[in-house]
């Protein structure tokens, strides 16, 4: 995208953390922002911060797991600004403590997939037909995770939901290029956000991690990744540059080389084995 000045961006999960950082860094470049979040007060507060940077903003309460709610978000965005040039499907939830699949229940799977995966699918389903009718450059940012590329034991439903987002996004990048779209897959490592606490607060009391007993899963890689968490503002700047450059993947921290090499070696080894 040649310039962000005068563009309009819709950002889900923009009331805090990475979403807020993306909103503010794009606003600094002159982009109008639709701040979408499930928490009304958080969305309104970030919209005020955007306006302080001299650009227009709209706050919209959205539950990305609900298709009708995302439809209402699109209606509000197009009614206000007439076009959407940048869509950031960023809303996400996680869990703590880390635990094995044996301690995950169906409610965990449904909650994590409902926001992390279906939130992205709903965003694409609702916004793409409208954006396709627009001339000019268009950009989609889908927030996946480092665990989309390096599956993390102890974080299985989250990793699976984010791997699906990465797969959808790679294929969509190829399919949508002739329509004038660029796609970026944001893969954060550990970032200083409240993703776990915010997500847990949205669940019924008896499903929250604080109300259940687990045997925490000890994964040395998770501990290593958590040692140097990034600031959300740094991630926001990386996303802004990726939109300008048309970058497919954004990794906020380097992928662990030994883990990546082991996975690639295993995959290639399986592919080259003959049938006995």
C-alpha atoms as a PDB file:
ATOM      1  CA  UNK A   1       0.000   0.000   0.000  1.00  0.00           C
ATOM      2  CA  UNK A   2       1.634   3.217  -1.154  1.00  0.00           C
ATOM      3  CA  UNK A   3       0.198   5.411   1.588  1.00  0.00           C
ATOM      4  CA  UNK A   4      -1.931   5.066   4.707  1.00  0.00           C
ATOM      5  CA  UNK A   5      -3.034   8.693   4.672  1.00  0.00           C
ATOM      6  CA  UNK A   6      -6.786   8.969   4.222  1.00  0.00           C
ATOM      7  CA  UNK A   7      -7.393   5.212   4.322  1.00  0.00           C
ATOM      8  CA  UNK A   8      -9.921   3.515   6.598  1.00  0.00           C
ATOM      9  CA  UNK A   9      -9.047   0.533   8.786  1.00  0.00           C
ATOM     10  CA  UNK A  10     -11.320  -1.787  10.748  1.00  0.00           C
ATOM     11  CA  UNK A  11      -9.514  -3.481  13.636  1.00  0.00           C
ATOM     12  CA  UNK A  12     -11.136  -6.116  15.832  1.00  0.00           C
ATOM     13  CA  UNK A  13      -9.910  -6.640  19.369  1.00  0.00           C
ATOM     14  CA  UNK A  14      -8.707  -3.042  19.256  1.00  0.00           C
ATOM     15  CA  UNK A  15      -9.683  -2.103  22.796  1.00  0.00           C
ATOM     16  CA  UNK A  16      -6.336  -3.218  24.224  1.00  0.00           C
ATOM     17  CA  UNK A  17      -3.020  -4.884  23.512  1.00  0.00           C
ATOM     18  CA  UNK A  18      -1.901  -5.468  19.943  1.00  0.00           C
ATOM     19  CA  UNK A  19      -5.171  -4.242  18.438  1.00  0.00           C
ATOM     20  CA  UNK A  20      -4.912  -0.924  20.258  1.00  0.00           C
ATOM     21  CA  UNK A  21      -1.283  -0.581  19.159  1.00  0.00           C
ATOM     22  CA  UNK A  22      -2.190  -1.218  15.519  1.00  0.00           C
ATOM     23  CA  UNK A  23      -4.990   1.333  15.748  1.00  0.00           C
ATOM     24  CA  UNK A  24      -2.762   4.048  17.178  1.00  0.00           C
ATOM     25  CA  UNK A  25       0.187   3.459  14.843  1.00  0.00           C
ATOM     26  CA  UNK A  26      -2.084   3.536  11.797  1.00  0.00           C
ATOM     27  CA  UNK A  27      -3.772   6.669  13.138  1.00  0.00           C
ATOM     28  CA  UNK A  28      -0.368   8.334  13.382  1.00  0.00           C
ATOM     29  CA  UNK A  29      -0.027   7.698   9.637  1.00  0.00           C
ATOM     30  CA  UNK A  30      -3.356   9.399   8.930  1.00  0.00           C
ATOM     31  CA  UNK A  31      -5.631   6.360   8.763  1.00  0.00           C
ATOM     32  CA  UNK A  32      -9.239   6.599   9.936  1.00  0.00           C
ATOM     33  CA  UNK A  33      -9.940   3.848  12.459  1.00  0.00           C
ATOM     34  CA  UNK A  34     -12.968   1.738  13.282  1.00  0.00           C
ATOM     35  CA  UNK A  35     -12.179   0.459  16.774  1.00  0.00           C
ATOM     36  CA  UNK A  36     -13.977  -2.842  17.309  1.00  0.00           C
ATOM     37  CA  UNK A  37     -13.999  -4.615  20.660  1.00  0.00           C
ATOM     38  CA  UNK A  38     -16.352  -6.694  22.757  1.00  0.00           C
ATOM     39  CA  UNK A  39     -15.872  -4.260  25.670  1.00  0.00           C
ATOM     40  CA  UNK A  40     -17.651  -0.982  24.927  1.00  0.00           C
ATOM     41  CA  UNK A  41     -15.615   1.165  27.315  1.00  0.00           C
ATOM     42  CA  UNK A  42     -12.317  -0.123  25.933  1.00  0.00           C
ATOM     43  CA  UNK A  43     -13.353   0.540  22.331  1.00  0.00           C
ATOM     44  CA  UNK A  44     -14.532   4.052  23.177  1.00  0.00           C
ATOM     45  CA  UNK A  45     -11.307   4.852  25.032  1.00  0.00           C
ATOM     46  CA  UNK A  46      -9.116   3.811  22.099  1.00  0.00           C
ATOM     47  CA  UNK A  47     -11.324   5.740  19.678  1.00  0.00           C
ATOM     48  CA  UNK A  48     -10.678   8.835  21.807  1.00  0.00           C
ATOM     49  CA  UNK A  49      -6.934   8.185  21.615  1.00  0.00           C
ATOM     50  CA  UNK A  50      -7.206   7.916  17.840  1.00  0.00           C
ATOM     51  CA  UNK A  51      -9.017  11.259  17.618  1.00  0.00           C
ATOM     52  CA  UNK A  52      -6.271  12.847  19.715  1.00  0.00           C
ATOM     53  CA  UNK A  53      -3.951  11.977  16.822  1.00  0.00           C
ATOM     54  CA  UNK A  54      -6.037  14.093  14.478  1.00  0.00           C
ATOM     55  CA  UNK A  55      -8.007  11.480  12.561  1.00  0.00           C
ATOM     56  CA  UNK A  56     -11.604  10.287  12.633  1.00  0.00           C
ATOM     57  CA  UNK A  57     -12.587   7.236  14.646  1.00  0.00           C
ATOM     58  CA  UNK A  58     -15.633   5.110  15.313  1.00  0.00           C
ATOM     59  CA  UNK A  59     -16.033   2.621  18.155  1.00  0.00           C
ATOM     60  CA  UNK A  60     -18.229  -0.436  17.634  1.00  0.00           C
ATOM     61  CA  UNK A  61     -19.000  -3.186  20.138  1.00  0.00           C
ATOM     62  CA  UNK A  62     -18.469  -6.512  18.370  1.00  0.00           C
ATOM     63  CA  UNK A  63     -18.475 -10.177  19.297  1.00  0.00           C
ATOM     64  CA  UNK A  64     -16.435 -11.661  16.445  1.00  0.00           C
ATOM     65  CA  UNK A  65     -17.662 -15.166  17.288  1.00  0.00           C
ATOM     66  CA  UNK A  66     -21.146 -14.028  16.209  1.00  0.00           C
ATOM     67  CA  UNK A  67     -21.591 -13.574  12.452  1.00  0.00           C
ATOM     68  CA  UNK A  68     -24.478 -11.131  12.901  1.00  0.00           C
ATOM     69  CA  UNK A  69     -22.334  -8.959  15.169  1.00  0.00           C
ATOM     70  CA  UNK A  70     -19.621  -8.763  12.508  1.00  0.00           C
ATOM     71  CA  UNK A  71     -22.288  -7.877   9.934  1.00  0.00           C
ATOM     72  CA  UNK A  72     -23.331  -4.994  12.185  1.00  0.00           C
ATOM     73  CA  UNK A  73     -19.686  -3.899  12.411  1.00  0.00           C
ATOM     74  CA  UNK A  74     -19.410  -3.743   8.627  1.00  0.00           C
ATOM     75  CA  UNK A  75     -22.658  -1.806   8.332  1.00  0.00           C
ATOM     76  CA  UNK A  76     -21.433   0.735  10.881  1.00  0.00           C
ATOM     77  CA  UNK A  77     -18.035   1.091   9.197  1.00  0.00           C
ATOM     78  CA  UNK A  78     -19.454   1.586   5.703  1.00  0.00           C
ATOM     79  CA  UNK A  79     -22.207   3.906   6.923  1.00  0.00           C
ATOM     80  CA  UNK A  80     -19.594   6.113   8.591  1.00  0.00           C
ATOM     81  CA  UNK A  81     -16.731   6.055   6.104  1.00  0.00           C
ATOM     82  CA  UNK A  82     -18.086   4.605   2.855  1.00  0.00           C
ATOM     83  CA  UNK A  83     -15.169   2.217   2.353  1.00  0.00           C
ATOM     84  CA  UNK A  84     -12.797  -0.062   4.244  1.00  0.00           C
ATOM     85  CA  UNK A  85      -9.262  -0.278   2.873  1.00  0.00           C
ATOM     86  CA  UNK A  86      -7.641  -2.263   5.677  1.00  0.00           C
ATOM     87  CA  UNK A  87      -9.224  -5.082   7.674  1.00  0.00           C
ATOM     88  CA  UNK A  88      -7.373  -6.394  10.721  1.00  0.00           C
ATOM     89  CA  UNK A  89      -8.948  -9.594  12.041  1.00  0.00           C
ATOM     90  CA  UNK A  90      -7.079  -9.339  15.301  1.00  0.00           C
ATOM     91  CA  UNK A  91      -9.419 -10.320  18.151  1.00  0.00           C
ATOM     92  CA  UNK A  92      -8.131 -13.358  20.020  1.00  0.00           C
ATOM     93  CA  UNK A  93      -8.254 -15.282  23.285  1.00  0.00           C
ATOM     94  CA  UNK A  94      -5.849 -17.630  25.051  1.00  0.00           C
ATOM     95  CA  UNK A  95      -5.643 -19.657  28.257  1.00  0.00           C
ATOM     96  CA  UNK A  96      -3.496 -20.076  31.345  1.00  0.00           C
ATOM     97  CA  UNK A  97      -2.210 -22.184  32.938  1.00  0.00           C
ATOM     98  CA  UNK A  98      -0.923 -24.237  30.034  1.00  0.00           C
ATOM     99  CA  UNK A  99      -2.521 -27.685  30.140  1.00  0.00           C
ATOM    100  CA  UNK A 100      -2.692 -30.890  28.104  1.00  0.00           C
ATOM    101  CA  UNK A 101      -5.492 -31.991  25.812  1.00  0.00           C
ATOM    102  CA  UNK A 102      -6.613 -34.335  28.604  1.00  0.00           C
ATOM    103  CA  UNK A 103      -7.590 -31.306  30.682  1.00  0.00           C
ATOM    104  CA  UNK A 104      -9.288 -29.377  27.879  1.00  0.00           C
ATOM    105  CA  UNK A 105     -13.050 -29.697  27.585  1.00  0.00           C
ATOM    106  CA  UNK A 106     -15.367 -28.988  24.679  1.00  0.00           C
ATOM    107  CA  UNK A 107     -16.177 -25.552  26.058  1.00  0.00           C
ATOM    108  CA  UNK A 108     -12.455 -24.678  25.841  1.00  0.00           C
ATOM    109  CA  UNK A 109     -12.266 -25.779  22.204  1.00  0.00           C
ATOM    110  CA  UNK A 110     -15.455 -23.979  21.260  1.00  0.00           C
ATOM    111  CA  UNK A 111     -14.450 -20.750  22.987  1.00  0.00           C
ATOM    112  CA  UNK A 112     -10.938 -20.581  21.535  1.00  0.00           C
ATOM    113  CA  UNK A 113     -12.026 -21.568  18.031  1.00  0.00           C
ATOM    114  CA  UNK A 114     -15.073 -19.314  18.201  1.00  0.00           C
ATOM    115  CA  UNK A 115     -12.961 -16.195  18.634  1.00  0.00           C
ATOM    116  CA  UNK A 116      -9.580 -17.088  17.135  1.00  0.00           C
ATOM    117  CA  UNK A 117     -10.728 -18.937  14.015  1.00  0.00           C
ATOM    118  CA  UNK A 118     -14.390 -18.148  13.417  1.00  0.00           C
ATOM    119  CA  UNK A 119     -13.723 -14.505  14.204  1.00  0.00           C
ATOM    120  CA  UNK A 120     -11.357 -14.409  11.222  1.00  0.00           C
ATOM    121  CA  UNK A 121     -13.740 -16.392   9.012  1.00  0.00           C
ATOM    122  CA  UNK A 122     -16.633 -14.089   9.891  1.00  0.00           C
ATOM    123  CA  UNK A 123     -14.500 -11.043   9.137  1.00  0.00           C
ATOM    124  CA  UNK A 124     -13.503 -12.373   5.734  1.00  0.00           C
ATOM    125  CA  UNK A 125     -17.009 -13.534   4.864  1.00  0.00           C
ATOM    126  CA  UNK A 126     -18.589 -10.195   5.747  1.00  0.00           C
ATOM    127  CA  UNK A 127     -15.993  -7.702   4.534  1.00  0.00           C
ATOM    128  CA  UNK A 128     -14.478  -9.284   1.417  1.00  0.00           C
ATOM    129  CA  UNK A 129     -17.557  -8.907  -0.828  1.00  0.00           C
ATOM    130  CA  UNK A 130     -17.835  -5.236   0.119  1.00  0.00           C
ATOM    131  CA  UNK A 131     -14.114  -4.511  -0.192  1.00  0.00           C
ATOM    132  CA  UNK A 132     -13.959  -6.322  -3.524  1.00  0.00           C
ATOM    133  CA  UNK A 133     -16.280  -3.698  -5.025  1.00  0.00           C
ATOM    134  CA  UNK A 134     -13.815  -0.932  -4.174  1.00  0.00           C
ATOM    135  CA  UNK A 135     -11.093   0.259  -6.514  1.00  0.00           C
ATOM    136  CA  UNK A 136      -7.545   0.734  -5.315  1.00  0.00           C
ATOM    137  CA  UNK A 137      -5.351  -1.132  -2.866  1.00  0.00           C
ATOM    138  CA  UNK A 138      -6.854  -3.294  -0.143  1.00  0.00           C
ATOM    139  CA  UNK A 139      -5.122  -5.084   2.712  1.00  0.00           C
ATOM    140  CA  UNK A 140      -6.108  -7.848   5.126  1.00  0.00           C
ATOM    141  CA  UNK A 141      -4.177  -8.521   8.345  1.00  0.00           C
ATOM    142  CA  UNK A 142      -5.036 -11.766  10.131  1.00  0.00           C
ATOM    143  CA  UNK A 143      -3.534 -12.304  13.562  1.00  0.00           C
ATOM    144  CA  UNK A 144      -2.218 -15.849  13.964  1.00  0.00           C
ATOM    145  CA  UNK A 145       0.630 -16.701  16.363  1.00  0.00           C
ATOM    146  CA  UNK A 146       4.111 -18.131  16.521  1.00  0.00           C
ATOM    147  CA  UNK A 147       2.321 -21.295  17.671  1.00  0.00           C
ATOM    148  CA  UNK A 148       0.657 -21.496  14.257  1.00  0.00           C
ATOM    149  CA  UNK A 149       4.065 -22.405  12.855  1.00  0.00           C
ATOM    150  CA  UNK A 150       5.590 -24.152  15.872  1.00  0.00           C
ATOM    151  CA  UNK A 151       2.774 -26.079  17.602  1.00  0.00           C
ATOM    152  CA  UNK A 152       3.172 -25.761  21.346  1.00  0.00           C
ATOM    153  CA  UNK A 153       2.400 -28.708  23.612  1.00  0.00           C
ATOM    154  CA  UNK A 154       0.327 -27.440  26.514  1.00  0.00           C
ATOM    155  CA  UNK A 155      -1.330 -24.872  24.290  1.00  0.00           C
ATOM    156  CA  UNK A 156      -3.061 -27.213  21.859  1.00  0.00           C
ATOM    157  CA  UNK A 157      -6.480 -25.663  21.089  1.00  0.00           C
ATOM    158  CA  UNK A 158      -4.878 -22.232  20.789  1.00  0.00           C
ATOM    159  CA  UNK A 159      -2.123 -23.535  18.497  1.00  0.00           C
ATOM    160  CA  UNK A 160      -4.651 -25.383  16.350  1.00  0.00           C
ATOM    161  CA  UNK A 161      -6.902 -22.343  15.973  1.00  0.00           C
ATOM    162  CA  UNK A 162      -3.976 -20.154  14.972  1.00  0.00           C
ATOM    163  CA  UNK A 163      -2.564 -22.743  12.558  1.00  0.00           C
ATOM    164  CA  UNK A 164      -5.909 -22.689  10.782  1.00  0.00           C
ATOM    165  CA  UNK A 165      -5.739 -18.893  10.557  1.00  0.00           C
ATOM    166  CA  UNK A 166      -2.270 -19.066   8.993  1.00  0.00           C
ATOM    167  CA  UNK A 167      -3.376 -21.696   6.470  1.00  0.00           C
ATOM    168  CA  UNK A 168      -6.484 -19.735   5.486  1.00  0.00           C
ATOM    169  CA  UNK A 169      -4.420 -16.581   5.128  1.00  0.00           C
ATOM    170  CA  UNK A 170      -1.710 -18.086   2.918  1.00  0.00           C
ATOM    171  CA  UNK A 171      -4.281 -19.513   0.526  1.00  0.00           C
ATOM    172  CA  UNK A 172      -6.330 -16.302   0.610  1.00  0.00           C
ATOM    173  CA  UNK A 173      -3.247 -14.244  -0.254  1.00  0.00           C
ATOM    174  CA  UNK A 174      -2.894 -16.186  -3.509  1.00  0.00           C
ATOM    175  CA  UNK A 175      -6.603 -16.232  -4.308  1.00  0.00           C
ATOM    176  CA  UNK A 176      -7.194 -12.545  -3.586  1.00  0.00           C
ATOM    177  CA  UNK A 177      -4.112 -11.071  -5.272  1.00  0.00           C
ATOM    178  CA  UNK A 178      -5.875 -10.712  -8.665  1.00  0.00           C
ATOM    179  CA  UNK A 179      -8.617  -8.756  -6.864  1.00  0.00           C
ATOM    180  CA  UNK A 180      -6.148  -6.148  -5.607  1.00  0.00           C
ATOM    181  CA  UNK A 181      -5.743  -7.501  -2.069  1.00  0.00           C
ATOM    182  CA  UNK A 182      -2.585  -8.020  -0.059  1.00  0.00           C
ATOM    183  CA  UNK A 183      -2.665 -10.288   2.991  1.00  0.00           C
ATOM    184  CA  UNK A 184      -0.434 -10.202   6.052  1.00  0.00           C
ATOM    185  CA  UNK A 185      -0.242 -12.977   8.637  1.00  0.00           C
ATOM    186  CA  UNK A 186       0.799 -11.564  12.004  1.00  0.00           C
ATOM    187  CA  UNK A 187       2.505 -14.182  14.177  1.00  0.00           C
ATOM    188  CA  UNK A 188       3.159 -12.695  17.603  1.00  0.00           C
ATOM    189  CA  UNK A 189       5.301 -14.478  20.137  1.00  0.00           C
ATOM    190  CA  UNK A 190       4.895 -13.371  23.729  1.00  0.00           C
ATOM    191  CA  UNK A 191       3.680  -9.768  23.900  1.00  0.00           C
ATOM    192  CA  UNK A 192       2.777  -7.720  26.983  1.00  0.00           C
ATOM    193  CA  UNK A 193      -1.012  -7.915  26.688  1.00  0.00           C
ATOM    194  CA  UNK A 194      -3.957  -9.070  28.790  1.00  0.00           C
ATOM    195  CA  UNK A 195      -5.174 -11.604  26.228  1.00  0.00           C
ATOM    196  CA  UNK A 196      -5.558 -14.371  28.803  1.00  0.00           C
ATOM    197  CA  UNK A 197      -7.314 -12.320  31.477  1.00  0.00           C
ATOM    198  CA  UNK A 198      -9.557 -10.563  28.971  1.00  0.00           C
ATOM    199  CA  UNK A 199     -10.602 -13.834  27.387  1.00  0.00           C
ATOM    200  CA  UNK A 200     -11.251 -15.609  30.668  1.00  0.00           C
ATOM    201  CA  UNK A 201     -13.506 -12.768  31.804  1.00  0.00           C
ATOM    202  CA  UNK A 202     -15.797 -13.399  28.820  1.00  0.00           C
ATOM    203  CA  UNK A 203     -16.538 -16.986  29.826  1.00  0.00           C
ATOM    204  CA  UNK A 204     -19.214 -18.266  32.220  1.00  0.00           C
ATOM    205  CA  UNK A 205     -17.848 -18.352  35.761  1.00  0.00           C
ATOM    206  CA  UNK A 206     -17.660 -22.150  35.955  1.00  0.00           C
ATOM    207  CA  UNK A 207     -15.604 -22.341  32.739  1.00  0.00           C
ATOM    208  CA  UNK A 208     -12.942 -19.840  33.791  1.00  0.00           C
ATOM    209  CA  UNK A 209      -9.443 -21.101  34.474  1.00  0.00           C
ATOM    210  CA  UNK A 210      -9.472 -19.435  37.879  1.00  0.00           C
ATOM    211  CA  UNK A 211     -12.421 -21.638  38.912  1.00  0.00           C
ATOM    212  CA  UNK A 212     -10.929 -24.947  37.745  1.00  0.00           C
ATOM    213  CA  UNK A 213      -8.091 -27.150  38.933  1.00  0.00           C
ATOM    214  CA  UNK A 214      -5.331 -28.129  36.513  1.00  0.00           C
ATOM    215  CA  UNK A 215      -1.956 -29.775  36.507  1.00  0.00           C
ATOM    216  CA  UNK A 216       0.078 -27.069  34.722  1.00  0.00           C
ATOM    217  CA  UNK A 217       1.950 -28.391  31.690  1.00  0.00           C
ATOM    218  CA  UNK A 218       5.643 -27.557  31.784  1.00  0.00           C
ATOM    219  CA  UNK A 219       6.973 -26.809  28.303  1.00  0.00           C
ATOM    220  CA  UNK A 220      10.552 -25.438  28.286  1.00  0.00           C
ATOM    221  CA  UNK A 221       9.956 -23.732  24.941  1.00  0.00           C
ATOM    222  CA  UNK A 222       7.015 -21.786  26.367  1.00  0.00           C
ATOM    223  CA  UNK A 223       9.207 -20.593  29.214  1.00  0.00           C
ATOM    224  CA  UNK A 224      11.930 -19.530  26.786  1.00  0.00           C
ATOM    225  CA  UNK A 225       9.520 -17.610  24.575  1.00  0.00           C
ATOM    226  CA  UNK A 226       8.018 -15.871  27.600  1.00  0.00           C
ATOM    227  CA  UNK A 227      11.363 -14.552  28.849  1.00  0.00           C
ATOM    228  CA  UNK A 228      11.523 -11.521  26.539  1.00  0.00           C
ATOM    229  CA  UNK A 229       7.982 -10.314  25.838  1.00  0.00           C
ATOM    230  CA  UNK A 230       7.561  -7.485  23.342  1.00  0.00           C
ATOM    231  CA  UNK A 231       5.759  -4.203  23.802  1.00  0.00           C
ATOM    232  CA  UNK A 232       2.491  -3.966  21.840  1.00  0.00           C
ATOM    233  CA  UNK A 233       3.574  -0.648  20.311  1.00  0.00           C
ATOM    234  CA  UNK A 234       6.531  -2.377  18.660  1.00  0.00           C
ATOM    235  CA  UNK A 235       4.170  -4.930  17.135  1.00  0.00           C
ATOM    236  CA  UNK A 236       1.900  -2.137  15.917  1.00  0.00           C
ATOM    237  CA  UNK A 237       4.784  -0.512  14.070  1.00  0.00           C
ATOM    238  CA  UNK A 238       5.729  -3.839  12.495  1.00  0.00           C
ATOM    239  CA  UNK A 239       2.179  -4.266  11.214  1.00  0.00           C
ATOM    240  CA  UNK A 240       2.081  -0.737   9.825  1.00  0.00           C
ATOM    241  CA  UNK A 241       5.288  -1.359   7.886  1.00  0.00           C
ATOM    242  CA  UNK A 242       4.014  -4.723   6.645  1.00  0.00           C
ATOM    243  CA  UNK A 243       0.923  -3.041   5.201  1.00  0.00           C
ATOM    244  CA  UNK A 244       3.089  -0.501   3.407  1.00  0.00           C
ATOM    245  CA  UNK A 245       5.456  -3.181   2.097  1.00  0.00           C
ATOM    246  CA  UNK A 246       2.868  -5.864   1.296  1.00  0.00           C
ATOM    247  CA  UNK A 247       4.622  -8.393   3.543  1.00  0.00           C
ATOM    248  CA  UNK A 248       3.006 -11.824   3.898  1.00  0.00           C
ATOM    249  CA  UNK A 249       4.422 -12.920   7.268  1.00  0.00           C
ATOM    250  CA  UNK A 250       5.304 -10.828  10.308  1.00  0.00           C
ATOM    251  CA  UNK A 251       7.108 -12.647  13.119  1.00  0.00           C
ATOM    252  CA  UNK A 252       7.539 -10.509  16.211  1.00  0.00           C
ATOM    253  CA  UNK A 253      10.302 -12.763  17.521  1.00  0.00           C
ATOM    254  CA  UNK A 254      12.602 -15.220  15.754  1.00  0.00           C
ATOM    255  CA  UNK A 255      11.275 -18.744  15.405  1.00  0.00           C
ATOM    256  CA  UNK A 256      13.315 -21.234  17.494  1.00  0.00           C
ATOM    257  CA  UNK A 257      15.746 -22.598  14.858  1.00  0.00           C
ATOM    258  CA  UNK A 258      16.170 -26.050  16.402  1.00  0.00           C
ATOM    259  CA  UNK A 259      12.412 -26.613  16.621  1.00  0.00           C
ATOM    260  CA  UNK A 260      11.812 -25.410  13.062  1.00  0.00           C
ATOM    261  CA  UNK A 261      14.673 -27.510  11.679  1.00  0.00           C
ATOM    262  CA  UNK A 262      13.415 -30.605  13.488  1.00  0.00           C
ATOM    263  CA  UNK A 263       9.912 -30.157  12.099  1.00  0.00           C
ATOM    264  CA  UNK A 264      11.108 -29.582   8.523  1.00  0.00           C
ATOM    265  CA  UNK A 265      13.445 -32.581   8.726  1.00  0.00           C
ATOM    266  CA  UNK A 266      10.592 -34.757   9.976  1.00  0.00           C
ATOM    267  CA  UNK A 267       8.260 -33.587   7.206  1.00  0.00           C
ATOM    268  CA  UNK A 268      10.819 -34.084   4.449  1.00  0.00           C
ATOM    269  CA  UNK A 269      11.790 -37.441   5.894  1.00  0.00           C
ATOM    270  CA  UNK A 270       8.195 -38.618   5.794  1.00  0.00           C
ATOM    271  CA  UNK A 271       7.788 -37.425   2.214  1.00  0.00           C
ATOM    272  CA  UNK A 272      10.892 -39.221   0.925  1.00  0.00           C
ATOM    273  CA  UNK A 273      10.205 -42.622   2.477  1.00  0.00           C
ATOM    274  CA  UNK A 274       9.241 -45.237  -0.041  1.00  0.00           C
ATOM    275  CA  UNK A 275       6.315 -47.590   0.343  1.00  0.00           C
ATOM    276  CA  UNK A 276       7.543 -50.996   1.482  1.00  0.00           C
END
